[in-house]
Amino acid sequence: MTHVTPQRRDVVYDHRAQKAALPVTVHHADGGTSESLLILSPAEVELCHWQLDQILRRREKAQGLGP
């Protein structure tokens, strides 16, 4: 595996299991791909939200759009 990218598909939240499922594409070293799910707990969803917000703020700052 070389990297994983999110798919442009809806995420699913199972309130009974309290888990989110994010569809992803797994990219393999041989050039092939496969589909999978990234399963996240509520705490992991919050962590991803915080990390993605950091990325967006840093991008805006680098482009001269943010504080």
PDB file of N, CA and C in Angstrom:
ATOM      1  N   MET A   1       0.848  -1.171   0.000  1.00  0.00           N
ATOM      2  CA  MET A   1       0.000   0.000   0.000  1.00  0.00           C
ATOM      3  C   MET A   1       0.897   1.238   0.000  1.00  0.00           C
ATOM      4  N   THR A   2       0.528   2.211  -0.845  1.00  0.00           N
ATOM      5  CA  THR A   2       1.286   3.460  -0.870  1.00  0.00           C
ATOM      6  C   THR A   2       0.546   4.590  -0.176  1.00  0.00           C
ATOM      7  N   HIS A   3      -0.763   4.636  -0.354  1.00  0.00           N
ATOM      8  CA  HIS A   3      -1.558   5.665   0.312  1.00  0.00           C
ATOM      9  C   HIS A   3      -3.043   5.336   0.194  1.00  0.00           C
ATOM     10  N   VAL A   4      -3.845   6.108   0.912  1.00  0.00           N
ATOM     11  CA  VAL A   4      -5.301   5.936   0.932  1.00  0.00           C
ATOM     12  C   VAL A   4      -5.930   7.289   0.651  1.00  0.00           C
ATOM     13  N   THR A   5      -6.968   7.307  -0.199  1.00  0.00           N
ATOM     14  CA  THR A   5      -7.676   8.551  -0.502  1.00  0.00           C
ATOM     15  C   THR A   5      -9.170   8.372  -0.243  1.00  0.00           C
ATOM     16  N   PRO A   6      -9.837   9.438   0.206  1.00  0.00           N
ATOM     17  CA  PRO A   6     -11.286   9.343   0.420  1.00  0.00           C
ATOM     18  C   PRO A   6     -12.008   9.265  -0.920  1.00  0.00           C
ATOM     19  N   GLN A   7     -13.123   8.570  -0.914  1.00  0.00           N
ATOM     20  CA  GLN A   7     -13.961   8.483  -2.107  1.00  0.00           C
ATOM     21  C   GLN A   7     -15.048   9.552  -2.040  1.00  0.00           C
ATOM     22  N   ARG A   8     -15.544   9.944  -3.187  1.00  0.00           N
ATOM     23  CA  ARG A   8     -16.641  10.921  -3.242  1.00  0.00           C
ATOM     24  C   ARG A   8     -17.972  10.188  -3.096  1.00  0.00           C
ATOM     25  N   ARG A   9     -18.148   9.620  -1.933  1.00  0.00           N
ATOM     26  CA  ARG A   9     -19.382   8.911  -1.594  1.00  0.00           C
ATOM     27  C   ARG A   9     -19.789   9.333  -0.194  1.00  0.00           C
ATOM     28  N   ASP A  10     -21.043   9.147   0.103  1.00  0.00           N
ATOM     29  CA  ASP A  10     -21.544   9.512   1.424  1.00  0.00           C
ATOM     30  C   ASP A  10     -20.908   8.655   2.510  1.00  0.00           C
ATOM     31  N   VAL A  11     -20.655   9.287   3.633  1.00  0.00           N
ATOM     32  CA  VAL A  11     -20.218   8.546   4.813  1.00  0.00           C
ATOM     33  C   VAL A  11     -21.455   7.990   5.505  1.00  0.00           C
ATOM     34  N   VAL A  12     -21.246   6.991   6.328  1.00  0.00           N
ATOM     35  CA  VAL A  12     -22.348   6.362   7.052  1.00  0.00           C
ATOM     36  C   VAL A  12     -22.036   6.440   8.537  1.00  0.00           C
ATOM     37  N   TYR A  13     -23.043   6.780   9.343  1.00  0.00           N
ATOM     38  CA  TYR A  13     -22.877   6.764  10.791  1.00  0.00           C
ATOM     39  C   TYR A  13     -23.875   5.777  11.376  1.00  0.00           C
ATOM     40  N   ASP A  14     -23.375   4.814  12.117  1.00  0.00           N
ATOM     41  CA  ASP A  14     -24.208   3.821  12.786  1.00  0.00           C
ATOM     42  C   ASP A  14     -24.343   4.250  14.243  1.00  0.00           C
ATOM     43  N   HIS A  15     -25.503   4.815  14.592  1.00  0.00           N
ATOM     44  CA  HIS A  15     -25.671   5.342  15.948  1.00  0.00           C
ATOM     45  C   HIS A  15     -25.668   4.245  17.006  1.00  0.00           C
ATOM     46  N   ARG A  16     -26.083   3.044  16.659  1.00  0.00           N
ATOM     47  CA  ARG A  16     -26.065   1.952  17.639  1.00  0.00           C
ATOM     48  C   ARG A  16     -24.636   1.529  17.972  1.00  0.00           C
ATOM     49  N   ALA A  17     -23.799   1.428  16.948  1.00  0.00           N
ATOM     50  CA  ALA A  17     -22.399   1.044  17.159  1.00  0.00           C
ATOM     51  C   ALA A  17     -21.533   2.252  17.499  1.00  0.00           C
ATOM     52  N   GLN A  18     -22.085   3.446  17.291  1.00  0.00           N
ATOM     53  CA  GLN A  18     -21.358   4.701  17.482  1.00  0.00           C
ATOM     54  C   GLN A  18     -20.055   4.697  16.680  1.00  0.00           C
ATOM     55  N   LYS A  19     -20.191   4.348  15.398  1.00  0.00           N
ATOM     56  CA  LYS A  19     -19.047   4.304  14.486  1.00  0.00           C
ATOM     57  C   LYS A  19     -19.426   4.986  13.181  1.00  0.00           C
ATOM     58  N   ALA A  20     -18.453   5.658  12.595  1.00  0.00           N
ATOM     59  CA  ALA A  20     -18.617   6.252  11.271  1.00  0.00           C
ATOM     60  C   ALA A  20     -17.822   5.413  10.285  1.00  0.00           C
ATOM     61  N   ALA A  21     -18.323   5.311   9.059  1.00  0.00           N
ATOM     62  CA  ALA A  21     -17.633   4.568   8.009  1.00  0.00           C
ATOM     63  C   ALA A  21     -17.394   5.507   6.834  1.00  0.00           C
ATOM     64  N   LEU A  22     -16.128   5.746   6.538  1.00  0.00           N
ATOM     65  CA  LEU A  22     -15.724   6.630   5.454  1.00  0.00           C
ATOM     66  C   LEU A  22     -15.190   5.772   4.309  1.00  0.00           C
ATOM     67  N   PRO A  23     -15.857   5.788   3.145  1.00  0.00           N
ATOM     68  CA  PRO A  23     -15.363   5.014   2.003  1.00  0.00           C
ATOM     69  C   PRO A  23     -14.021   5.574   1.515  1.00  0.00           C
ATOM     70  N   VAL A  24     -13.060   4.689   1.301  1.00  0.00           N
ATOM     71  CA  VAL A  24     -11.727   5.089   0.856  1.00  0.00           C
ATOM     72  C   VAL A  24     -11.252   4.178  -0.272  1.00  0.00           C
ATOM     73  N   THR A  25     -10.288   4.689  -1.027  1.00  0.00           N
ATOM     74  CA  THR A  25      -9.595   3.888  -2.027  1.00  0.00           C
ATOM     75  C   THR A  25      -8.182   3.650  -1.526  1.00  0.00           C
ATOM     76  N   VAL A  26      -7.781   2.390  -1.514  1.00  0.00           N
ATOM     77  CA  VAL A  26      -6.433   2.011  -1.102  1.00  0.00           C
ATOM     78  C   VAL A  26      -5.597   1.864  -2.375  1.00  0.00           C
ATOM     79  N   HIS A  27      -4.484   2.578  -2.433  1.00  0.00           N
ATOM     80  CA  HIS A  27      -3.594   2.541  -3.592  1.00  0.00           C
ATOM     81  C   HIS A  27      -2.409   1.634  -3.261  1.00  0.00           C
ATOM     82  N   HIS A  28      -2.186   0.647  -4.116  1.00  0.00           N
ATOM     83  CA  HIS A  28      -1.144  -0.347  -3.877  1.00  0.00           C
ATOM     84  C   HIS A  28       0.122  -0.015  -4.662  1.00  0.00           C
ATOM     85  N   ALA A  29       1.249  -0.525  -4.191  1.00  0.00           N
ATOM     86  CA  ALA A  29       2.546  -0.252  -4.811  1.00  0.00           C
ATOM     87  C   ALA A  29       2.607  -0.719  -6.265  1.00  0.00           C
ATOM     88  N   ASP A  30       1.838  -1.738  -6.611  1.00  0.00           N
ATOM     89  CA  ASP A  30       1.857  -2.241  -7.989  1.00  0.00           C
ATOM     90  C   ASP A  30       0.977  -1.421  -8.930  1.00  0.00           C
ATOM     91  N   GLY A  31       0.379  -0.338  -8.421  1.00  0.00           N
ATOM     92  CA  GLY A  31      -0.477   0.522  -9.230  1.00  0.00           C
ATOM     93  C   GLY A  31      -1.955   0.191  -9.139  1.00  0.00           C
ATOM     94  N   GLY A  32      -2.280  -0.923  -8.528  1.00  0.00           N
ATOM     95  CA  GLY A  32      -3.675  -1.307  -8.370  1.00  0.00           C
ATOM     96  C   GLY A  32      -4.343  -0.539  -7.242  1.00  0.00           C
ATOM     97  N   THR A  33      -5.657  -0.612  -7.224  1.00  0.00           N
ATOM     98  CA  THR A  33      -6.433   0.021  -6.162  1.00  0.00           C
ATOM     99  C   THR A  33      -7.481  -0.954  -5.654  1.00  0.00           C
ATOM    100  N   SER A  34      -7.938  -0.717  -4.452  1.00  0.00           N
ATOM    101  CA  SER A  34      -9.055  -1.471  -3.899  1.00  0.00           C
ATOM    102  C   SER A  34      -9.873  -0.529  -3.024  1.00  0.00           C
ATOM    103  N   GLU A  35     -11.141  -0.869  -2.872  1.00  0.00           N
ATOM    104  CA  GLU A  35     -12.030  -0.063  -2.041  1.00  0.00           C
ATOM    105  C   GLU A  35     -12.076  -0.642  -0.636  1.00  0.00           C
ATOM    106  N   SER A  36     -12.199   0.250   0.337  1.00  0.00           N
ATOM    107  CA  SER A  36     -12.299  -0.183   1.720  1.00  0.00           C
ATOM    108  C   SER A  36     -13.076   0.867   2.499  1.00  0.00           C
ATOM    109  N   LEU A  37     -13.208   0.646   3.788  1.00  0.00           N
ATOM    110  CA  LEU A  37     -13.864   1.599   4.679  1.00  0.00           C
ATOM    111  C   LEU A  37     -12.918   1.955   5.808  1.00  0.00           C
ATOM    112  N   LEU A  38     -12.868   3.225   6.136  1.00  0.00           N
ATOM    113  CA  LEU A  38     -12.155   3.681   7.323  1.00  0.00           C
ATOM    114  C   LEU A  38     -13.211   3.810   8.413  1.00  0.00           C
ATOM    115  N   ILE A  39     -13.123   2.971   9.427  1.00  0.00           N
ATOM    116  CA  ILE A  39     -14.094   2.957  10.521  1.00  0.00           C
ATOM    117  C   ILE A  39     -13.551   3.829  11.650  1.00  0.00           C
ATOM    118  N   LEU A  40     -14.363   4.786  12.082  1.00  0.00           N
ATOM    119  CA  LEU A  40     -13.931   5.758  13.083  1.00  0.00           C
ATOM    120  C   LEU A  40     -14.892   5.813  14.265  1.00  0.00           C
ATOM    121  N   SER A  41     -14.323   5.913  15.457  1.00  0.00           N
ATOM    122  CA  SER A  41     -15.118   6.156  16.662  1.00  0.00           C
ATOM    123  C   SER A  41     -15.453   7.645  16.708  1.00  0.00           C
ATOM    124  N   PRO A  42     -16.379   8.057  17.570  1.00  0.00           N
ATOM    125  CA  PRO A  42     -16.668   9.487  17.690  1.00  0.00           C
ATOM    126  C   PRO A  42     -15.421  10.313  18.021  1.00  0.00           C
ATOM    127  N   ALA A  43     -14.563   9.812  18.882  1.00  0.00           N
ATOM    128  CA  ALA A  43     -13.334  10.540  19.226  1.00  0.00           C
ATOM    129  C   ALA A  43     -12.413  10.666  18.016  1.00  0.00           C
ATOM    130  N   GLU A  44     -12.360   9.634  17.196  1.00  0.00           N
ATOM    131  CA  GLU A  44     -11.522   9.678  15.993  1.00  0.00           C
ATOM    132  C   GLU A  44     -12.094  10.636  14.953  1.00  0.00           C
ATOM    133  N   VAL A  45     -13.421  10.717  14.873  1.00  0.00           N
ATOM    134  CA  VAL A  45     -14.050  11.694  13.977  1.00  0.00           C
ATOM    135  C   VAL A  45     -13.682  13.106  14.424  1.00  0.00           C
ATOM    136  N   GLU A  46     -13.746  13.364  15.729  1.00  0.00           N
ATOM    137  CA  GLU A  46     -13.368  14.675  16.260  1.00  0.00           C
ATOM    138  C   GLU A  46     -11.901  14.985  15.976  1.00  0.00           C
ATOM    139  N   LEU A  47     -11.038  13.989  16.132  1.00  0.00           N
ATOM    140  CA  LEU A  47      -9.613  14.180  15.848  1.00  0.00           C
ATOM    141  C   LEU A  47      -9.400  14.525  14.373  1.00  0.00           C
ATOM    142  N   CYS A  48     -10.065  13.801  13.478  1.00  0.00           N
ATOM    143  CA  CYS A  48      -9.957  14.090  12.039  1.00  0.00           C
ATOM    144  C   CYS A  48     -10.471  15.491  11.731  1.00  0.00           C
ATOM    145  N   HIS A  49     -11.558  15.882  12.361  1.00  0.00           N
ATOM    146  CA  HIS A  49     -12.111  17.222  12.162  1.00  0.00           C
ATOM    147  C   HIS A  49     -11.079  18.272  12.555  1.00  0.00           C
ATOM    148  N   TRP A  50     -10.458  18.098  13.706  1.00  0.00           N
ATOM    149  CA  TRP A  50      -9.456  19.034  14.199  1.00  0.00           C
ATOM    150  C   TRP A  50      -8.254  19.081  13.258  1.00  0.00           C
ATOM    151  N   GLN A  51      -7.784  17.902  12.819  1.00  0.00           N
ATOM    152  CA  GLN A  51      -6.618  17.845  11.938  1.00  0.00           C
ATOM    153  C   GLN A  51      -6.918  18.467  10.572  1.00  0.00           C
ATOM    154  N   LEU A  52      -8.088  18.183  10.020  1.00  0.00           N
ATOM    155  CA  LEU A  52      -8.453  18.764   8.721  1.00  0.00           C
ATOM    156  C   LEU A  52      -8.622  20.274   8.826  1.00  0.00           C
ATOM    157  N   ASP A  53      -9.165  20.742   9.942  1.00  0.00           N
ATOM    158  CA  ASP A  53      -9.289  22.183  10.153  1.00  0.00           C
ATOM    159  C   ASP A  53      -7.907  22.836  10.181  1.00  0.00           C
ATOM    160  N   GLN A  54      -6.944  22.183  10.813  1.00  0.00           N
ATOM    161  CA  GLN A  54      -5.561  22.681  10.831  1.00  0.00           C
ATOM    162  C   GLN A  54      -5.012  22.795   9.409  1.00  0.00           C
ATOM    163  N   ILE A  55      -5.225  21.766   8.614  1.00  0.00           N
ATOM    164  CA  ILE A  55      -4.743  21.774   7.226  1.00  0.00           C
ATOM    165  C   ILE A  55      -5.350  22.936   6.461  1.00  0.00           C
ATOM    166  N   LEU A  56      -6.662  23.126   6.606  1.00  0.00           N
ATOM    167  CA  LEU A  56      -7.334  24.207   5.879  1.00  0.00           C
ATOM    168  C   LEU A  56      -6.816  25.575   6.310  1.00  0.00           C
ATOM    169  N   ARG A  57      -6.617  25.764   7.620  1.00  0.00           N
ATOM    170  CA  ARG A  57      -6.093  27.048   8.102  1.00  0.00           C
ATOM    171  C   ARG A  57      -4.671  27.296   7.608  1.00  0.00           C
ATOM    172  N   ARG A  58      -3.838  26.271   7.604  1.00  0.00           N
ATOM    173  CA  ARG A  58      -2.461  26.424   7.123  1.00  0.00           C
ATOM    174  C   ARG A  58      -2.432  26.716   5.627  1.00  0.00           C
ATOM    175  N   ARG A  59      -3.322  26.090   4.887  1.00  0.00           N
ATOM    176  CA  ARG A  59      -3.410  26.343   3.444  1.00  0.00           C
ATOM    177  C   ARG A  59      -3.833  27.784   3.182  1.00  0.00           C
ATOM    178  N   GLU A  60      -4.859  28.245   3.906  1.00  0.00           N
ATOM    179  CA  GLU A  60      -5.316  29.628   3.751  1.00  0.00           C
ATOM    180  C   GLU A  60      -4.209  30.614   4.105  1.00  0.00           C
ATOM    181  N   LYS A  61      -3.480  30.327   5.177  1.00  0.00           N
ATOM    182  CA  LYS A  61      -2.385  31.208   5.590  1.00  0.00           C
ATOM    183  C   LYS A  61      -1.296  31.248   4.517  1.00  0.00           C
ATOM    184  N   ALA A  62      -0.963  30.093   3.957  1.00  0.00           N
ATOM    185  CA  ALA A  62       0.070  30.028   2.920  1.00  0.00           C
ATOM    186  C   ALA A  62      -0.350  30.773   1.659  1.00  0.00           C
ATOM    187  N   GLN A  63      -1.659  30.819   1.410  1.00  0.00           N
ATOM    188  CA  GLN A  63      -2.181  31.523   0.237  1.00  0.00           C
ATOM    189  C   GLN A  63      -2.451  32.996   0.531  1.00  0.00           C
ATOM    190  N   GLY A  64      -2.173  33.415   1.757  1.00  0.00           N
ATOM    191  CA  GLY A  64      -2.404  34.800   2.133  1.00  0.00           C
ATOM    192  C   GLY A  64      -3.856  35.134   2.373  1.00  0.00           C
ATOM    193  N   LEU A  65      -4.680  34.114   2.647  1.00  0.00           N
ATOM    194  CA  LEU A  65      -6.115  34.334   2.839  1.00  0.00           C
ATOM    195  C   LEU A  65      -6.522  34.372   4.304  1.00  0.00           C
ATOM    196  N   GLY A  66      -5.671  33.877   5.170  1.00  0.00           N
ATOM    197  CA  GLY A  66      -6.049  33.787   6.580  1.00  0.00           C
ATOM    198  C   GLY A  66      -5.158  34.632   7.461  1.00  0.00           C
ATOM    199  N   PRO A  67      -5.462  34.629   8.764  1.00  0.00           N
ATOM    200  CA  PRO A  67      -4.685  35.425   9.727  1.00  0.00           C
ATOM    201  C   PRO A  67      -3.256  34.934   9.881  1.00  0.00           C
TER     202      PRO A  67
END
